Amino acid sequence: MREEMYSVEQVADLLGLHVRTVRGYIRSGRLGATRIGKQYRITPADLDALTGRSQSPVRQGDGAKAEVSSIVQVDGVDRPTADRLSTLVLAGANNGYDLAHPLRVQTVHDEERNRMKIVILGGTAATADLLRLLDAVLDGADGLLTRRDGQLAGEAGDA
């Protein structure tokens, strides 16, 4: 039986990531792939392993556990602001919510497009809490990333 395989471009589209990010995951070993000629092909099992999806079905009687995969894109973010936001998100993920199933977080900053992506994998409640924290920070509730005039810290015009 032939198993479906994805191209790097298809995986990038599915995850909402840049093609270079997916290739970086392959080179670093975070995403399993098979090289066919000059191109990589990714199996659904390798994609599931990257996103944290379970490979085995839940059996009757097992406690069903839900896991969430979230990708947050933040536009208009320069490198220093992205670094501060990454630190905040990683600190929020390491809150000790569920030590047996910690949140997994990856942040990527695209300097050309002045945006960042935050990938969050984990339990529903812990992910929801982290997304609430992120929402509060991005809305300027804490003033950590915004100035009084509403501009992101580090944007053009920031002295």
Protein backbone atom coordinates (compact mmCIF):
# COMPACT_ATOMS: atom_id res chain seq x y z
CA MET A 1 0.00 0.00 0.00
CA ARG A 2 1.32 3.41 -0.95
CA GLU A 3 1.41 6.09 1.75
CA GLU A 4 0.65 9.71 0.86
CA MET A 5 3.62 12.06 1.15
CA TYR A 6 3.70 15.85 1.33
CA SER A 7 6.09 18.27 -0.31
CA VAL A 8 7.86 20.96 1.72
CA GLU A 9 5.53 23.54 0.16
CA GLN A 10 2.41 21.57 1.15
CA VAL A 11 3.63 21.23 4.75
CA ALA A 12 4.39 24.96 4.87
CA ASP A 13 0.84 25.71 3.66
CA LEU A 14 -0.73 23.26 6.12
CA LEU A 15 1.13 24.75 9.10
CA GLY A 16 1.07 28.36 7.95
CA LEU A 17 4.86 28.54 7.98
CA HIS A 18 7.44 29.75 5.49
CA VAL A 19 9.03 27.12 3.24
CA ARG A 20 12.48 28.02 4.65
CA THR A 21 11.22 27.32 8.17
CA VAL A 22 10.04 23.84 7.16
CA ARG A 23 13.37 23.12 5.47
CA GLY A 24 15.14 24.29 8.63
CA TYR A 25 13.04 21.86 10.68
CA ILE A 26 14.09 19.06 8.33
CA ARG A 27 17.80 19.99 8.47
CA SER A 28 17.73 20.22 12.27
CA GLY A 29 15.99 16.85 12.58
CA ARG A 30 12.78 18.24 14.14
CA LEU A 31 10.80 17.08 11.09
CA GLY A 32 11.48 13.70 9.56
CA ALA A 33 11.66 13.65 5.77
CA THR A 34 12.85 11.50 2.91
CA ARG A 35 14.98 13.03 0.21
CA ILE A 36 13.89 12.00 -3.27
CA GLY A 37 16.20 13.50 -5.85
CA LYS A 38 16.60 17.15 -4.93
CA GLN A 39 13.32 17.39 -3.00
CA TYR A 40 12.14 16.34 0.43
CA ARG A 41 8.93 14.38 1.02
CA ILE A 42 7.23 14.22 4.41
CA THR A 43 4.95 11.40 5.55
CA PRO A 44 1.77 12.12 7.52
CA ALA A 45 3.36 10.27 10.47
CA ASP A 46 6.39 12.61 10.43
CA LEU A 47 4.09 15.64 10.21
CA ASP A 48 2.03 14.31 13.14
CA ALA A 49 5.22 13.83 15.16
CA LEU A 50 6.18 17.48 14.57
CA THR A 51 2.76 18.83 15.51
CA GLY A 52 2.38 16.54 18.51
CA ARG A 53 -0.59 14.58 17.22
CA SER A 54 -0.95 11.08 18.62
CA GLN A 55 -0.03 8.17 16.36
CA SER A 56 -2.13 5.63 18.22
CA PRO A 57 -5.92 5.75 18.42
CA VAL A 58 -7.51 6.18 21.84
CA ARG A 59 -8.76 2.80 23.06
CA GLN A 60 -12.05 2.28 24.83
CA GLY A 61 -11.55 2.85 28.54
CA ASP A 62 -8.52 5.11 28.11
CA GLY A 63 -8.97 8.65 29.35
CA ALA A 64 -9.28 10.72 26.20
CA LYS A 65 -6.77 13.58 26.15
CA ALA A 66 -7.19 16.48 23.80
CA GLU A 67 -4.23 18.36 22.43
CA VAL A 68 -4.31 21.67 20.60
CA SER A 69 -2.04 22.90 17.81
CA SER A 70 -2.14 26.68 17.45
CA ILE A 71 -0.26 29.02 15.16
CA VAL A 72 -0.38 32.73 15.97
CA GLN A 73 0.90 35.28 13.45
CA VAL A 74 1.86 38.72 14.76
CA ASP A 75 2.48 41.40 12.12
CA GLY A 76 4.52 44.57 12.53
CA VAL A 77 7.10 43.10 14.91
CA ASP A 78 10.78 44.01 14.71
CA ARG A 79 13.57 41.76 16.05
CA PRO A 80 13.87 43.28 19.57
CA THR A 81 10.11 43.18 20.08
CA ALA A 82 9.96 39.60 18.76
CA ASP A 83 12.69 38.61 21.23
CA ARG A 84 10.77 40.15 24.14
CA LEU A 85 7.53 38.52 23.03
CA SER A 86 9.28 35.14 22.62
CA THR A 87 10.68 35.37 26.13
CA LEU A 88 7.27 36.22 27.55
CA VAL A 89 5.52 33.39 25.69
CA LEU A 90 8.16 30.82 26.67
CA ALA A 91 7.95 31.94 30.31
CA GLY A 92 4.17 31.62 30.16
CA ALA A 93 4.48 28.13 28.69
CA ASN A 94 6.77 27.05 31.53
CA ASN A 95 4.24 27.83 34.23
CA GLY A 96 4.11 24.26 35.58
CA TYR A 97 0.46 23.86 34.58
CA ASP A 98 0.77 20.14 33.76
CA LEU A 99 4.26 18.76 34.35
CA ALA A 100 3.39 15.44 32.69
CA HIS A 101 2.33 17.18 29.45
CA PRO A 102 4.11 20.54 29.18
CA LEU A 103 3.33 22.99 26.41
CA ARG A 104 5.69 23.00 23.47
CA VAL A 105 6.30 26.42 21.96
CA GLN A 106 8.32 27.52 18.94
CA THR A 107 8.74 31.11 17.80
CA VAL A 108 9.98 32.26 14.41
CA HIS A 109 10.67 35.85 13.33
CA ASP A 110 10.63 36.80 9.65
CA GLU A 111 12.69 39.99 9.39
CA GLU A 112 11.83 40.53 5.71
CA ARG A 113 8.10 40.66 6.45
CA ASN A 114 8.46 42.16 9.93
CA ARG A 115 6.29 39.42 11.46
CA MET A 116 6.57 36.49 13.80
CA LYS A 117 4.79 33.18 14.18
CA ILE A 118 4.25 31.41 17.46
CA VAL A 119 3.48 27.67 17.32
CA ILE A 120 1.90 26.25 20.49
CA LEU A 121 1.31 22.53 21.03
CA GLY A 122 -0.27 21.14 24.17
CA GLY A 123 -3.33 20.63 26.33
CA THR A 124 -6.45 22.67 25.79
CA ALA A 125 -6.54 24.49 29.13
CA ALA A 126 -2.84 25.38 29.19
CA THR A 127 -2.96 26.53 25.56
CA ALA A 128 -6.04 28.67 26.26
CA ASP A 129 -4.28 30.30 29.22
CA LEU A 130 -1.21 31.05 27.10
CA LEU A 131 -3.36 32.49 24.30
CA ARG A 132 -5.14 34.72 26.84
CA LEU A 133 -1.76 35.97 28.07
CA LEU A 134 -0.65 36.61 24.51
CA ASP A 135 -3.90 38.43 23.73
CA ALA A 136 -3.54 40.66 26.80
CA VAL A 137 0.04 41.55 25.89
CA LEU A 138 -0.75 42.24 22.24
CA ASP A 139 -3.73 44.40 23.22
CA GLY A 140 -1.40 46.44 25.39
CA ALA A 141 -3.07 45.58 28.71
CA ASP A 142 0.31 45.21 30.38
CA GLY A 143 2.12 47.84 28.36
CA LEU A 144 4.98 45.40 27.82
CA LEU A 145 5.11 45.72 24.05
CA THR A 146 3.29 48.96 23.36
CA ARG A 147 3.91 52.58 24.13
CA ARG A 148 1.22 55.02 25.21
CA ASP A 149 0.58 56.19 21.63
CA GLY A 150 -0.33 52.61 20.65
CA GLN A 151 2.71 51.98 18.48
CA LEU A 152 4.61 48.74 18.98
CA ALA A 153 7.90 49.31 20.77
CA GLY A 154 10.65 49.35 18.18
CA GLU A 155 8.45 50.52 15.27
CA ALA A 156 9.52 53.34 12.99
CA GLY A 157 9.50 56.60 14.86
CA ASP A 158 10.58 54.95 18.13
CA ALA A 159 13.31 57.09 19.61
